[in-house]
Amino acid sequence: MTTSTPVPRVDLTATETGELDRLARDVEACAAALEQARSALGEAAGRIAAGHGRGGPAAVAARVGWSRQHVSTLTAAHRRQQTEQDAA
């Protein structure tokens, strides 16, 4: 059995720490923006597909590269949300 000595951790410079912190914040901001964009695309896909009735989900799915089943699910969610809003 071999044992290895632990590698000592070096101290980063203030410049290196600042760069890593800034880039980590940028990644978090981009991740949040990506999630918002995905949500908006899903809502738009469901709304547009619902507006076209039969064939709408297939057309939207082909345009955005998703499965027709996924867009049909988004369409159903949009219709359910509209029904709830109309009832309120």
N, C-alpha and C. Protein backbone atom coordinates (compact mmCIF):
# COMPACT_ATOMS: atom_id res chain seq x y z
N MET A 1 0.85 -1.16 0.00
CA MET A 1 0.00 0.00 0.00
C MET A 1 0.90 1.23 0.00
N THR A 2 0.55 2.16 -0.88
CA THR A 2 1.33 3.39 -0.95
C THR A 2 0.54 4.53 -0.34
N THR A 3 1.24 5.39 0.26
CA THR A 3 0.60 6.59 0.80
C THR A 3 1.19 7.80 0.11
N SER A 4 0.36 8.76 -0.11
CA SER A 4 0.85 9.98 -0.74
C SER A 4 0.69 11.13 0.22
N THR A 5 1.56 12.04 0.11
CA THR A 5 1.47 13.21 0.96
C THR A 5 0.46 14.18 0.36
N PRO A 6 -0.32 14.79 1.19
CA PRO A 6 -1.31 15.74 0.67
C PRO A 6 -0.61 16.92 -0.01
N VAL A 7 -1.22 17.37 -1.08
CA VAL A 7 -0.70 18.53 -1.80
C VAL A 7 -1.15 19.78 -1.06
N PRO A 8 -0.22 20.63 -0.73
CA PRO A 8 -0.62 21.85 -0.01
C PRO A 8 -1.40 22.79 -0.93
N ARG A 9 -2.36 23.45 -0.36
CA ARG A 9 -3.15 24.42 -1.12
C ARG A 9 -2.42 25.74 -1.14
N VAL A 10 -2.31 26.30 -2.34
CA VAL A 10 -1.62 27.59 -2.46
C VAL A 10 -2.61 28.71 -2.19
N ASP A 11 -2.11 29.86 -1.88
CA ASP A 11 -2.94 31.04 -1.71
C ASP A 11 -3.07 31.74 -3.06
N LEU A 12 -4.28 32.00 -3.46
CA LEU A 12 -4.53 32.72 -4.71
C LEU A 12 -4.30 34.20 -4.48
N THR A 13 -3.89 34.86 -5.54
CA THR A 13 -3.71 36.30 -5.44
C THR A 13 -5.08 36.97 -5.43
N ALA A 14 -5.09 38.22 -5.05
CA ALA A 14 -6.35 38.98 -5.05
C ALA A 14 -6.90 39.08 -6.46
N THR A 15 -6.04 39.23 -7.45
CA THR A 15 -6.47 39.32 -8.84
C THR A 15 -7.11 38.01 -9.29
N GLU A 16 -6.49 36.89 -8.94
CA GLU A 16 -7.03 35.57 -9.32
C GLU A 16 -8.36 35.31 -8.62
N THR A 17 -8.43 35.65 -7.35
CA THR A 17 -9.67 35.47 -6.60
C THR A 17 -10.78 36.32 -7.19
N GLY A 18 -10.45 37.56 -7.51
CA GLY A 18 -11.44 38.46 -8.09
C GLY A 18 -11.93 37.97 -9.44
N GLU A 19 -11.01 37.47 -10.27
CA GLU A 19 -11.39 36.96 -11.59
C GLU A 19 -12.31 35.75 -11.45
N LEU A 20 -11.97 34.81 -10.59
CA LEU A 20 -12.80 33.62 -10.40
C LEU A 20 -14.17 33.98 -9.84
N ASP A 21 -14.21 34.90 -8.89
CA ASP A 21 -15.49 35.33 -8.31
C ASP A 21 -16.36 36.01 -9.37
N ARG A 22 -15.76 36.87 -10.17
CA ARG A 22 -16.51 37.57 -11.23
C ARG A 22 -17.07 36.58 -12.23
N LEU A 23 -16.25 35.64 -12.65
CA LEU A 23 -16.71 34.66 -13.64
C LEU A 23 -17.78 33.73 -13.07
N ALA A 24 -17.66 33.38 -11.80
CA ALA A 24 -18.69 32.56 -11.16
C ALA A 24 -20.02 33.31 -11.11
N ARG A 25 -19.97 34.61 -10.81
CA ARG A 25 -21.19 35.43 -10.82
C ARG A 25 -21.79 35.50 -12.22
N ASP A 26 -20.92 35.65 -13.23
CA ASP A 26 -21.38 35.70 -14.62
C ASP A 26 -22.09 34.40 -15.00
N VAL A 27 -21.53 33.28 -14.59
CA VAL A 27 -22.14 31.98 -14.89
C VAL A 27 -23.51 31.88 -14.22
N GLU A 28 -23.61 32.30 -12.98
CA GLU A 28 -24.90 32.27 -12.28
C GLU A 28 -25.93 33.15 -12.98
N ALA A 29 -25.51 34.33 -13.39
CA ALA A 29 -26.43 35.24 -14.08
C ALA A 29 -26.88 34.64 -15.41
N CYS A 30 -25.97 34.04 -16.13
CA CYS A 30 -26.32 33.42 -17.42
C CYS A 30 -27.24 32.22 -17.22
N ALA A 31 -27.01 31.46 -16.17
CA ALA A 31 -27.87 30.31 -15.88
C ALA A 31 -29.29 30.76 -15.57
N ALA A 32 -29.42 31.84 -14.81
CA ALA A 32 -30.74 32.38 -14.49
C ALA A 32 -31.42 32.90 -15.76
N ALA A 33 -30.67 33.59 -16.60
CA ALA A 33 -31.24 34.11 -17.85
C ALA A 33 -31.64 32.97 -18.77
N LEU A 34 -30.85 31.91 -18.81
CA LEU A 34 -31.19 30.75 -19.64
C LEU A 34 -32.47 30.09 -19.16
N GLU A 35 -32.63 29.97 -17.86
CA GLU A 35 -33.85 29.36 -17.32
C GLU A 35 -35.07 30.22 -17.65
N GLN A 36 -34.93 31.54 -17.56
CA GLN A 36 -36.04 32.43 -17.91
C GLN A 36 -36.38 32.33 -19.40
N ALA A 37 -35.36 32.23 -20.24
CA ALA A 37 -35.59 32.11 -21.68
C ALA A 37 -36.26 30.79 -22.02
N ARG A 38 -35.83 29.71 -21.37
CA ARG A 38 -36.46 28.40 -21.59
C ARG A 38 -37.92 28.43 -21.18
N SER A 39 -38.20 29.05 -20.06
CA SER A 39 -39.57 29.15 -19.58
C SER A 39 -40.43 29.95 -20.56
N ALA A 40 -39.89 31.07 -21.02
CA ALA A 40 -40.64 31.90 -21.98
C ALA A 40 -40.87 31.15 -23.29
N LEU A 41 -39.88 30.40 -23.75
CA LEU A 41 -40.05 29.62 -24.98
C LEU A 41 -41.11 28.55 -24.80
N GLY A 42 -41.12 27.89 -23.66
CA GLY A 42 -42.13 26.88 -23.40
C GLY A 42 -43.54 27.46 -23.36
N GLU A 43 -43.67 28.60 -22.70
CA GLU A 43 -44.99 29.25 -22.64
C GLU A 43 -45.45 29.69 -24.02
N ALA A 44 -44.53 30.26 -24.79
CA ALA A 44 -44.89 30.70 -26.14
C ALA A 44 -45.24 29.51 -27.03
N ALA A 45 -44.48 28.43 -26.91
CA ALA A 45 -44.75 27.24 -27.71
C ALA A 45 -46.15 26.68 -27.41
N GLY A 46 -46.51 26.61 -26.14
CA GLY A 46 -47.84 26.13 -25.77
C GLY A 46 -48.94 27.05 -26.26
N ARG A 47 -48.75 28.34 -26.11
CA ARG A 47 -49.75 29.32 -26.55
C ARG A 47 -49.93 29.29 -28.06
N ILE A 48 -48.83 29.28 -28.78
CA ILE A 48 -48.91 29.30 -30.25
C ILE A 48 -49.53 28.00 -30.76
N ALA A 49 -49.10 26.87 -30.22
CA ALA A 49 -49.65 25.59 -30.65
C ALA A 49 -51.14 25.51 -30.34
N ALA A 50 -51.56 26.02 -29.19
CA ALA A 50 -52.98 26.00 -28.84
C ALA A 50 -53.79 26.88 -29.79
N GLY A 51 -53.20 27.95 -30.24
CA GLY A 51 -53.89 28.84 -31.15
C GLY A 51 -54.15 28.25 -32.52
N HIS A 52 -53.40 27.24 -32.88
CA HIS A 52 -53.56 26.63 -34.20
C HIS A 52 -54.38 25.34 -34.16
N GLY A 53 -54.75 24.89 -32.98
CA GLY A 53 -55.55 23.67 -32.90
C GLY A 53 -54.79 22.46 -33.41
N ARG A 54 -55.51 21.60 -34.13
CA ARG A 54 -54.88 20.38 -34.67
C ARG A 54 -53.74 20.75 -35.59
N GLY A 55 -52.63 20.10 -35.40
CA GLY A 55 -51.46 20.38 -36.21
C GLY A 55 -50.55 21.44 -35.62
N GLY A 56 -51.06 22.20 -34.68
CA GLY A 56 -50.25 23.25 -34.05
C GLY A 56 -49.05 22.69 -33.31
N PRO A 57 -49.26 21.69 -32.45
CA PRO A 57 -48.10 21.12 -31.74
C PRO A 57 -47.04 20.55 -32.68
N ALA A 58 -47.46 19.91 -33.76
CA ALA A 58 -46.50 19.34 -34.70
C ALA A 58 -45.69 20.45 -35.37
N ALA A 59 -46.35 21.53 -35.76
CA ALA A 59 -45.65 22.64 -36.42
C ALA A 59 -44.67 23.31 -35.47
N VAL A 60 -45.10 23.55 -34.23
CA VAL A 60 -44.23 24.19 -33.25
C VAL A 60 -43.05 23.27 -32.92
N ALA A 61 -43.34 21.98 -32.75
CA ALA A 61 -42.28 21.02 -32.42
C ALA A 61 -41.22 20.97 -33.50
N ALA A 62 -41.66 20.99 -34.74
CA ALA A 62 -40.71 20.98 -35.86
C ALA A 62 -39.86 22.25 -35.87
N ARG A 63 -40.46 23.36 -35.51
CA ARG A 63 -39.74 24.64 -35.54
C ARG A 63 -38.67 24.73 -34.45
N VAL A 64 -39.01 24.29 -33.24
CA VAL A 64 -38.08 24.45 -32.12
C VAL A 64 -37.24 23.20 -31.85
N GLY A 65 -37.53 22.11 -32.54
CA GLY A 65 -36.72 20.90 -32.37
C GLY A 65 -37.08 20.06 -31.16
N TRP A 66 -38.30 20.19 -30.69
CA TRP A 66 -38.78 19.38 -29.58
C TRP A 66 -39.69 18.28 -30.11
N SER A 67 -40.02 17.33 -29.25
CA SER A 67 -40.96 16.28 -29.66
C SER A 67 -42.37 16.86 -29.70
N ARG A 68 -43.20 16.29 -30.54
CA ARG A 68 -44.59 16.72 -30.62
C ARG A 68 -45.29 16.48 -29.29
N GLN A 69 -44.93 15.38 -28.63
CA GLN A 69 -45.54 15.06 -27.33
C GLN A 69 -45.22 16.16 -26.31
N HIS A 70 -43.99 16.64 -26.31
CA HIS A 70 -43.61 17.70 -25.36
C HIS A 70 -44.42 18.96 -25.62
N VAL A 71 -44.55 19.33 -26.89
CA VAL A 71 -45.31 20.54 -27.22
C VAL A 71 -46.79 20.33 -26.92
N SER A 72 -47.30 19.12 -27.12
CA SER A 72 -48.69 18.84 -26.77
C SER A 72 -48.92 19.01 -25.27
N THR A 73 -47.94 18.61 -24.48
CA THR A 73 -48.03 18.80 -23.02
C THR A 73 -48.04 20.28 -22.67
N LEU A 74 -47.18 21.06 -23.32
CA LEU A 74 -47.16 22.51 -23.10
C LEU A 74 -48.48 23.14 -23.53
N THR A 75 -49.05 22.64 -24.62
CA THR A 75 -50.34 23.15 -25.12
C THR A 75 -51.44 22.87 -24.11
N ALA A 76 -51.46 21.66 -23.58
CA ALA A 76 -52.47 21.30 -22.57
C ALA A 76 -52.32 22.17 -21.32
N ALA A 77 -51.08 22.42 -20.92
CA ALA A 77 -50.84 23.28 -19.75
C ALA A 77 -51.34 24.70 -20.03
N HIS A 78 -51.11 25.19 -21.23
CA HIS A 78 -51.57 26.53 -21.58
C HIS A 78 -53.11 26.59 -21.54
N ARG A 79 -53.74 25.60 -22.12
CA ARG A 79 -55.21 25.58 -22.13
C ARG A 79 -55.77 25.49 -20.71
N ARG A 80 -55.14 24.67 -19.86
CA ARG A 80 -55.59 24.55 -18.47
C ARG A 80 -55.44 25.89 -17.75
N GLN A 81 -54.34 26.57 -17.99
CA GLN A 81 -54.11 27.87 -17.36
C GLN A 81 -55.14 28.88 -17.85
N GLN A 82 -55.47 28.86 -19.13
CA GLN A 82 -56.48 29.78 -19.67
C GLN A 82 -57.85 29.50 -19.04
N THR A 83 -58.18 28.23 -18.88
CA THR A 83 -59.46 27.86 -18.26
C THR A 83 -59.53 28.37 -16.82
N GLU A 84 -58.43 28.21 -16.10
CA GLU A 84 -58.39 28.70 -14.71
C GLU A 84 -58.51 30.22 -14.65
N GLN A 85 -57.87 30.92 -15.58
CA GLN A 85 -57.95 32.38 -15.59
C GLN A 85 -59.34 32.84 -15.97
N ASP A 86 -59.97 32.15 -16.90
CA ASP A 86 -61.34 32.50 -17.30
C ASP A 86 -62.33 32.28 -16.17
N ALA A 87 -62.08 31.25 -15.36
CA ALA A 87 -62.98 30.94 -14.24
C ALA A 87 -62.82 31.96 -13.11
N ALA A 88 -61.65 32.56 -13.01
CA ALA A 88 -61.40 33.49 -11.89
C ALA A 88 -62.00 34.84 -12.12
